[in-house]
PDB file of N, CA and C in Angstrom:
ATOM      1  N   MET A   1      60.089 -58.590  21.099  1.00  0.00           N
ATOM      2  CA  MET A   1      59.129 -59.615  21.417  1.00  0.00           C
ATOM      3  C   MET A   1      58.296 -59.972  20.182  1.00  0.00           C
ATOM      4  N   ASP A   2      57.914 -58.941  19.413  1.00  0.00           N
ATOM      5  CA  ASP A   2      57.140 -59.196  18.196  1.00  0.00           C
ATOM      6  C   ASP A   2      57.932 -60.034  17.199  1.00  0.00           C
ATOM      7  N   LEU A   3      59.231 -59.797  17.127  1.00  0.00           N
ATOM      8  CA  LEU A   3      60.067 -60.551  16.194  1.00  0.00           C
ATOM      9  C   LEU A   3      60.079 -62.031  16.548  1.00  0.00           C
ATOM     10  N   ILE A   4      60.190 -62.344  17.806  1.00  0.00           N
ATOM     11  CA  ILE A   4      60.188 -63.740  18.260  1.00  0.00           C
ATOM     12  C   ILE A   4      58.839 -64.389  17.950  1.00  0.00           C
ATOM     13  N   ILE A   5      57.760 -63.668  18.189  1.00  0.00           N
ATOM     14  CA  ILE A   5      56.422 -64.194  17.902  1.00  0.00           C
ATOM     15  C   ILE A   5      56.263 -64.427  16.411  1.00  0.00           C
ATOM     16  N   ASP A   6      56.715 -63.482  15.579  1.00  0.00           N
ATOM     17  CA  ASP A   6      56.594 -63.630  14.129  1.00  0.00           C
ATOM     18  C   ASP A   6      57.373 -64.840  13.616  1.00  0.00           C
ATOM     19  N   LEU A   7      58.554 -65.082  14.173  1.00  0.00           N
ATOM     20  CA  LEU A   7      59.379 -66.191  13.705  1.00  0.00           C
ATOM     21  C   LEU A   7      58.854 -67.545  14.182  1.00  0.00           C
ATOM     22  N   ALA A   8      58.250 -67.586  15.357  1.00  0.00           N
ATOM     23  CA  ALA A   8      57.859 -68.860  15.945  1.00  0.00           C
ATOM     24  C   ALA A   8      56.463 -69.318  15.529  1.00  0.00           C
ATOM     25  N   GLU A   9      55.578 -68.418  15.196  1.00  0.00           N
ATOM     26  CA  GLU A   9      54.189 -68.778  14.937  1.00  0.00           C
ATOM     27  C   GLU A   9      53.816 -68.632  13.467  1.00  0.00           C
ATOM     28  N   THR A  10      52.975 -69.556  13.005  1.00  0.00           N
ATOM     29  CA  THR A  10      52.475 -69.492  11.633  1.00  0.00           C
ATOM     30  C   THR A  10      50.959 -69.341  11.588  1.00  0.00           C
ATOM     31  N   ASP A  11      50.272 -69.756  12.631  1.00  0.00           N
ATOM     32  CA  ASP A  11      48.810 -69.660  12.691  1.00  0.00           C
ATOM     33  C   ASP A  11      48.407 -68.201  12.905  1.00  0.00           C
ATOM     34  N   PRO A  12      47.622 -67.595  12.013  1.00  0.00           N
ATOM     35  CA  PRO A  12      47.282 -66.176  12.149  1.00  0.00           C
ATOM     36  C   PRO A  12      46.441 -65.855  13.385  1.00  0.00           C
ATOM     37  N   ASP A  13      45.565 -66.759  13.775  1.00  0.00           N
ATOM     38  CA  ASP A  13      44.753 -66.513  14.979  1.00  0.00           C
ATOM     39  C   ASP A  13      45.619 -66.523  16.233  1.00  0.00           C
ATOM     40  N   ARG A  14      46.510 -67.487  16.302  1.00  0.00           N
ATOM     41  CA  ARG A  14      47.420 -67.578  17.443  1.00  0.00           C
ATOM     42  C   ARG A  14      48.376 -66.384  17.460  1.00  0.00           C
ATOM     43  N   LEU A  15      48.834 -65.977  16.279  1.00  0.00           N
ATOM     44  CA  LEU A  15      49.718 -64.821  16.164  1.00  0.00           C
ATOM     45  C   LEU A  15      49.023 -63.562  16.691  1.00  0.00           C
ATOM     46  N   GLN A  16      47.770 -63.378  16.311  1.00  0.00           N
ATOM     47  CA  GLN A  16      46.983 -62.235  16.781  1.00  0.00           C
ATOM     48  C   GLN A  16      46.826 -62.276  18.308  1.00  0.00           C
ATOM     49  N   ALA A  17      46.531 -63.449  18.854  1.00  0.00           N
ATOM     50  CA  ALA A  17      46.345 -63.595  20.302  1.00  0.00           C
ATOM     51  C   ALA A  17      47.635 -63.303  21.063  1.00  0.00           C
ATOM     52  N   LEU A  18      48.748 -63.780  20.548  1.00  0.00           N
ATOM     53  CA  LEU A  18      50.033 -63.534  21.208  1.00  0.00           C
ATOM     54  C   LEU A  18      50.411 -62.059  21.172  1.00  0.00           C
ATOM     55  N   ARG A  19      50.191 -61.422  20.036  1.00  0.00           N
ATOM     56  CA  ARG A  19      50.489 -59.982  19.951  1.00  0.00           C
ATOM     57  C   ARG A  19      49.623 -59.189  20.920  1.00  0.00           C
ATOM     58  N   GLN A  20      48.365 -59.569  21.051  1.00  0.00           N
ATOM     59  CA  GLN A  20      47.476 -58.865  21.966  1.00  0.00           C
ATOM     60  C   GLN A  20      47.897 -59.107  23.417  1.00  0.00           C
ATOM     61  N   ALA A  21      48.390 -60.309  23.715  1.00  0.00           N
ATOM     62  CA  ALA A  21      48.790 -60.639  25.085  1.00  0.00           C
ATOM     63  C   ALA A  21      49.990 -59.823  25.543  1.00  0.00           C
ATOM     64  N   VAL A  22      50.893 -59.499  24.628  1.00  0.00           N
ATOM     65  CA  VAL A  22      52.088 -58.759  25.017  1.00  0.00           C
ATOM     66  C   VAL A  22      51.980 -57.268  24.718  1.00  0.00           C
ATOM     67  N   SER A  23      50.825 -56.812  24.297  1.00  0.00           N
ATOM     68  CA  SER A  23      50.671 -55.390  23.962  1.00  0.00           C
ATOM     69  C   SER A  23      50.673 -54.530  25.228  1.00  0.00           C
ATOM     70  N   LEU A  24      51.039 -53.290  25.077  1.00  0.00           N
ATOM     71  CA  LEU A  24      51.130 -52.368  26.207  1.00  0.00           C
ATOM     72  C   LEU A  24      49.788 -52.112  26.881  1.00  0.00           C
ATOM     73  N   PRO A  25      48.701 -51.863  26.166  1.00  0.00           N
ATOM     74  CA  PRO A  25      47.423 -51.627  26.852  1.00  0.00           C
ATOM     75  C   PRO A  25      46.964 -52.809  27.702  1.00  0.00           C
ATOM     76  N   THR A  26      47.217 -54.016  27.231  1.00  0.00           N
ATOM     77  CA  THR A  26      46.824 -55.200  27.993  1.00  0.00           C
ATOM     78  C   THR A  26      47.639 -55.296  29.279  1.00  0.00           C
ATOM     79  N   ARG A  27      48.939 -55.065  29.170  1.00  0.00           N
ATOM     80  CA  ARG A  27      49.785 -55.121  30.371  1.00  0.00           C
ATOM     81  C   ARG A  27      49.444 -53.990  31.334  1.00  0.00           C
ATOM     82  N   ALA A  28      49.138 -52.818  30.806  1.00  0.00           N
ATOM     83  CA  ALA A  28      48.788 -51.683  31.667  1.00  0.00           C
ATOM     84  C   ALA A  28      47.480 -51.953  32.408  1.00  0.00           C
ATOM     85  N   LYS A  29      46.505 -52.525  31.732  1.00  0.00           N
ATOM     86  CA  LYS A  29      45.225 -52.841  32.366  1.00  0.00           C
ATOM     87  C   LYS A  29      45.409 -53.898  33.452  1.00  0.00           C
ATOM     88  N   THR A  30      46.244 -54.887  33.183  1.00  0.00           N
ATOM     89  CA  THR A  30      46.526 -55.913  34.180  1.00  0.00           C
ATOM     90  C   THR A  30      47.189 -55.305  35.405  1.00  0.00           C
ATOM     91  N   LEU A  31      48.149 -54.436  35.197  1.00  0.00           N
ATOM     92  CA  LEU A  31      48.835 -53.776  36.306  1.00  0.00           C
ATOM     93  C   LEU A  31      47.865 -52.909  37.106  1.00  0.00           C
ATOM     94  N   GLN A  32      46.972 -52.226  36.423  1.00  0.00           N
ATOM     95  CA  GLN A  32      45.978 -51.389  37.088  1.00  0.00           C
ATOM     96  C   GLN A  32      45.037 -52.244  37.926  1.00  0.00           C
ATOM     97  N   THR A  33      44.630 -53.382  37.416  1.00  0.00           N
ATOM     98  CA  THR A  33      43.746 -54.284  38.153  1.00  0.00           C
ATOM     99  C   THR A  33      44.438 -54.822  39.399  1.00  0.00           C
ATOM    100  N   ILE A  34      45.693 -55.193  39.277  1.00  0.00           N
ATOM    101  CA  ILE A  34      46.447 -55.702  40.429  1.00  0.00           C
ATOM    102  C   ILE A  34      46.620 -54.606  41.477  1.00  0.00           C
ATOM    103  N   ALA A  35      46.926 -53.390  41.052  1.00  0.00           N
ATOM    104  CA  ALA A  35      47.099 -52.277  41.987  1.00  0.00           C
ATOM    105  C   ALA A  35      45.800 -51.986  42.730  1.00  0.00           C
ATOM    106  N   LEU A  36      44.679 -52.024  42.031  1.00  0.00           N
ATOM    107  CA  LEU A  36      43.388 -51.788  42.672  1.00  0.00           C
ATOM    108  C   LEU A  36      43.071 -52.882  43.682  1.00  0.00           C
ATOM    109  N   ALA A  37      43.380 -54.118  43.342  1.00  0.00           N
ATOM    110  CA  ALA A  37      43.137 -55.227  44.266  1.00  0.00           C
ATOM    111  C   ALA A  37      43.989 -55.088  45.524  1.00  0.00           C
ATOM    112  N   LEU A  38      45.256 -54.716  45.370  1.00  0.00           N
ATOM    113  CA  LEU A  38      46.132 -54.532  46.531  1.00  0.00           C
ATOM    114  C   LEU A  38      45.661 -53.370  47.402  1.00  0.00           C
ATOM    115  N   LYS A  39      45.196 -52.307  46.772  1.00  0.00           N
ATOM    116  CA  LYS A  39      44.689 -51.160  47.526  1.00  0.00           C
ATOM    117  C   LYS A  39      43.461 -51.564  48.329  1.00  0.00           C
ATOM    118  N   THR A  40      42.565 -52.305  47.722  1.00  0.00           N
ATOM    119  CA  THR A  40      41.355 -52.752  48.403  1.00  0.00           C
ATOM    120  C   THR A  40      41.699 -53.676  49.560  1.00  0.00           C
ATOM    121  N   MET A  41      42.639 -54.582  49.337  1.00  0.00           N
ATOM    122  CA  MET A  41      43.044 -55.479  50.420  1.00  0.00           C
ATOM    123  C   MET A  41      43.688 -54.700  51.556  1.00  0.00           C
ATOM    124  N   GLY A  42      44.468 -53.687  51.240  1.00  0.00           N
ATOM    125  CA  GLY A  42      45.099 -52.869  52.274  1.00  0.00           C
ATOM    126  C   GLY A  42      44.091 -52.088  53.090  1.00  0.00           C
ATOM    127  N   GLU A  43      43.038 -51.624  52.446  1.00  0.00           N
ATOM    128  CA  GLU A  43      42.019 -50.870  53.173  1.00  0.00           C
ATOM    129  C   GLU A  43      41.181 -51.763  54.060  1.00  0.00           C
ATOM    130  N   THR A  44      40.928 -52.980  53.653  1.00  0.00           N
ATOM    131  CA  THR A  44      40.089 -53.870  54.451  1.00  0.00           C
ATOM    132  C   THR A  44      40.872 -54.599  55.521  1.00  0.00           C
ATOM    133  N   ALA A  45      42.179 -54.626  55.421  1.00  0.00           N
ATOM    134  CA  ALA A  45      42.996 -55.369  56.376  1.00  0.00           C
ATOM    135  C   ALA A  45      43.472 -54.509  57.541  1.00  0.00           C
ATOM    136  N   THR A  46      43.051 -53.270  57.623  1.00  0.00           N
ATOM    137  CA  THR A  46      43.517 -52.415  58.711  1.00  0.00           C
ATOM    138  C   THR A  46      42.875 -52.831  60.026  1.00  0.00           C
ATOM    139  N   ASP A  47      43.560 -52.537  61.121  1.00  0.00           N
ATOM    140  CA  ASP A  47      43.059 -52.888  62.444  1.00  0.00           C
ATOM    141  C   ASP A  47      42.249 -51.762  63.071  1.00  0.00           C
ATOM    142  N   THR A  48      42.061 -50.676  62.372  1.00  0.00           N
ATOM    143  CA  THR A  48      41.303 -49.571  62.935  1.00  0.00           C
ATOM    144  C   THR A  48      39.828 -49.923  62.958  1.00  0.00           C
ATOM    145  N   ALA A  49      39.142 -49.376  63.933  1.00  0.00           N
ATOM    146  CA  ALA A  49      37.724 -49.659  64.090  1.00  0.00           C
ATOM    147  C   ALA A  49      36.921 -48.922  63.026  1.00  0.00           C
ATOM    148  N   LYS A  50      35.882 -49.552  62.557  1.00  0.00           N
ATOM    149  CA  LYS A  50      35.020 -48.955  61.554  1.00  0.00           C
ATOM    150  C   LYS A  50      33.691 -48.601  62.218  1.00  0.00           C
ATOM    151  N   GLY A  51      33.263 -47.384  62.049  1.00  0.00           N
ATOM    152  CA  GLY A  51      31.987 -46.956  62.598  1.00  0.00           C
ATOM    153  C   GLY A  51      32.127 -46.378  63.993  1.00  0.00           C
ATOM    154  N   LYS A  52      31.060 -45.702  64.444  1.00  0.00           N
ATOM    155  CA  LYS A  52      31.096 -45.023  65.742  1.00  0.00           C
ATOM    156  C   LYS A  52      31.127 -46.004  66.908  1.00  0.00           C
ATOM    157  N   LYS A  53      30.287 -47.021  66.855  1.00  0.00           N
ATOM    158  CA  LYS A  53      30.228 -47.974  67.968  1.00  0.00           C
ATOM    159  C   LYS A  53      31.537 -48.740  68.110  1.00  0.00           C
ATOM    160  N   ALA A  54      32.092 -49.161  67.008  1.00  0.00           N
ATOM    161  CA  ALA A  54      33.354 -49.903  67.058  1.00  0.00           C
ATOM    162  C   ALA A  54      34.490 -49.008  67.542  1.00  0.00           C
ATOM    163  N   ALA A  55      34.481 -47.734  67.146  1.00  0.00           N
ATOM    164  CA  ALA A  55      35.519 -46.803  67.601  1.00  0.00           C
ATOM    165  C   ALA A  55      35.411 -46.569  69.105  1.00  0.00           C
ATOM    166  N   ARG A  56      34.185 -46.428  69.593  1.00  0.00           N
ATOM    167  CA  ARG A  56      33.988 -46.252  71.042  1.00  0.00           C
ATOM    168  C   ARG A  56      34.426 -47.494  71.812  1.00  0.00           C
ATOM    169  N   GLN A  57      34.093 -48.658  71.288  1.00  0.00           N
ATOM    170  CA  GLN A  57      34.489 -49.902  71.949  1.00  0.00           C
ATOM    171  C   GLN A  57      36.010 -50.030  71.989  1.00  0.00           C
ATOM    172  N   ALA A  58      36.669 -49.695  70.898  1.00  0.00           N
ATOM    173  CA  ALA A  58      38.132 -49.775  70.845  1.00  0.00           C
ATOM    174  C   ALA A  58      38.763 -48.786  71.823  1.00  0.00           C
ATOM    175  N   SER A  59      38.185 -47.591  71.923  1.00  0.00           N
ATOM    176  CA  SER A  59      38.734 -46.616  72.857  1.00  0.00           C
ATOM    177  C   SER A  59      38.505 -47.037  74.307  1.00  0.00           C
ATOM    178  N   ALA A  60      37.366 -47.673  74.597  1.00  0.00           N
ATOM    179  CA  ALA A  60      37.108 -48.166  75.953  1.00  0.00           C
ATOM    180  C   ALA A  60      38.066 -49.288  76.319  1.00  0.00           C
ATOM    181  N   GLU A  61      38.322 -50.176  75.377  1.00  0.00           N
ATOM    182  CA  GLU A  61      39.267 -51.261  75.644  1.00  0.00           C
ATOM    183  C   GLU A  61      40.676 -50.727  75.855  1.00  0.00           C
ATOM    184  N   ALA A  62      41.042 -49.683  75.135  1.00  0.00           N
ATOM    185  CA  ALA A  62      42.368 -49.083  75.315  1.00  0.00           C
ATOM    186  C   ALA A  62      42.482 -48.428  76.688  1.00  0.00           C
ATOM    187  N   ALA A  63      41.398 -47.832  77.175  1.00  0.00           N
ATOM    188  CA  ALA A  63      41.423 -47.194  78.492  1.00  0.00           C
ATOM    189  C   ALA A  63      41.507 -48.234  79.599  1.00  0.00           C
ATOM    190  N   ARG A  64      40.937 -49.423  79.370  1.00  0.00           N
ATOM    191  CA  ARG A  64      40.980 -50.487  80.378  1.00  0.00           C
ATOM    192  C   ARG A  64      42.272 -51.273  80.333  1.00  0.00           C
ATOM    193  N   ALA A  65      43.095 -51.067  79.341  1.00  0.00           N
ATOM    194  CA  ALA A  65      44.356 -51.805  79.212  1.00  0.00           C
ATOM    195  C   ALA A  65      45.296 -51.409  80.347  1.00  0.00           C
ATOM    196  N   PRO A  66      46.254 -52.261  80.671  1.00  0.00           N
ATOM    197  CA  PRO A  66      47.205 -51.917  81.738  1.00  0.00           C
ATOM    198  C   PRO A  66      47.881 -50.574  81.464  1.00  0.00           C
ATOM    199  N   GLY A  67      47.880 -49.716  82.465  1.00  0.00           N
ATOM    200  CA  GLY A  67      48.455 -48.385  82.318  1.00  0.00           C
ATOM    201  C   GLY A  67      47.451 -47.373  81.813  1.00  0.00           C
ATOM    202  N   GLY A  68      46.246 -47.806  81.488  1.00  0.00           N
ATOM    203  CA  GLY A  68      45.214 -46.907  80.995  1.00  0.00           C
ATOM    204  C   GLY A  68      44.522 -46.189  82.143  1.00  0.00           C
ATOM    205  N   LYS A  69      43.660 -45.253  81.812  1.00  0.00           N
ATOM    206  CA  LYS A  69      42.972 -44.426  82.803  1.00  0.00           C
ATOM    207  C   LYS A  69      42.082 -45.259  83.726  1.00  0.00           C
ATOM    208  N   PHE A  70      41.407 -46.263  83.186  1.00  0.00           N
ATOM    209  CA  PHE A  70      40.479 -47.059  83.982  1.00  0.00           C
ATOM    210  C   PHE A  70      40.984 -48.480  84.226  1.00  0.00           C
ATOM    211  N   ALA A  71      42.271 -48.665  84.169  1.00  0.00           N
ATOM    212  CA  ALA A  71      42.851 -49.989  84.388  1.00  0.00           C
ATOM    213  C   ALA A  71      42.715 -50.368  85.858  1.00  0.00           C
ATOM    214  N   PRO A  72      42.504 -51.644  86.167  1.00  0.00           N
ATOM    215  CA  PRO A  72      42.433 -52.060  87.569  1.00  0.00           C
ATOM    216  C   PRO A  72      43.783 -51.834  88.248  1.00  0.00           C
ATOM    217  N   ARG A  73      43.700 -51.416  89.470  1.00  0.00           N
ATOM    218  CA  ARG A  73      44.937 -51.136  90.215  1.00  0.00           C
ATOM    219  C   ARG A  73      45.597 -52.429  90.678  1.00  0.00           C
ATOM    220  N   ALA A  74      46.885 -52.349  90.849  1.00  0.00           N
ATOM    221  CA  ALA A  74      47.653 -53.497  91.333  1.00  0.00           C
ATOM    222  C   ALA A  74      47.461 -53.613  92.838  1.00  0.00           C
ATOM    223  N   ALA A  75      47.628 -54.802  93.350  1.00  0.00           N
ATOM    224  CA  ALA A  75      47.504 -55.022  94.799  1.00  0.00           C
ATOM    225  C   ALA A  75      48.620 -54.266  95.520  1.00  0.00           C
ATOM    226  N   PRO A  76      48.335 -53.776  96.716  1.00  0.00           N
ATOM    227  CA  PRO A  76      49.371 -53.043  97.442  1.00  0.00           C
ATOM    228  C   PRO A  76      50.516 -53.965  97.866  1.00  0.00           C
ATOM    229  N   ARG A  77      51.720 -53.398  97.883  1.00  0.00           N
ATOM    230  CA  ARG A  77      52.882 -54.154  98.314  1.00  0.00           C
ATOM    231  C   ARG A  77      53.151 -53.862  99.784  1.00  0.00           C
ATOM    232  N   LEU A  78      53.512 -54.913 100.518  1.00  0.00           N
ATOM    233  CA  LEU A  78      53.826 -54.722 101.919  1.00  0.00           C
ATOM    234  C   LEU A  78      55.249 -54.182 102.051  1.00  0.00           C
ATOM    235  N   VAL A  79      55.381 -53.141 102.873  1.00  0.00           N
ATOM    236  CA  VAL A  79      56.699 -52.540 103.055  1.00  0.00           C
ATOM    237  C   VAL A  79      57.445 -53.249 104.157  1.00  0.00           C
ATOM    238  N   ALA A  80      56.757 -53.580 105.240  1.00  0.00           N
ATOM    239  CA  ALA A  80      57.410 -54.218 106.380  1.00  0.00           C
ATOM    240  C   ALA A  80      57.197 -55.715 106.324  1.00  0.00           C
ATOM    241  N   ASP A  81      58.190 -56.431 106.774  1.00  0.00           N
ATOM    242  CA  ASP A  81      58.085 -57.886 106.845  1.00  0.00           C
ATOM    243  C   ASP A  81      57.582 -58.245 108.234  1.00  0.00           C
ATOM    244  N   ASN A  82      56.427 -58.858 108.344  1.00  0.00           N
ATOM    245  CA  ASN A  82      55.797 -59.148 109.644  1.00  0.00           C
ATOM    246  C   ASN A  82      56.095 -60.543 110.130  1.00  0.00           C
ATOM    247  N   THR A  83      57.167 -61.146 109.732  1.00  0.00           N
ATOM    248  CA  THR A  83      57.449 -62.491 110.206  1.00  0.00           C
ATOM    249  C   THR A  83      58.277 -62.539 111.435  1.00  0.00           C
TER     250      THR A  83
END
């Protein structure tokens, strides 16, 4: 990569900027920043409840869901046909 930059550029300031752009520390820092951003987005995008009140609310809603402990019962089915 350095060889291509050396052959294509004559301006020393631009040459310095291009070498810095493709250097390993710059690429490593960029990769580290992207990884940190993805980690932060992953932590904030979870569906788990945050805090005690939210956790209790989520657990209460799960108990009220169909099939849960406090779910409303279904209407009784008639066994005999009374017609």
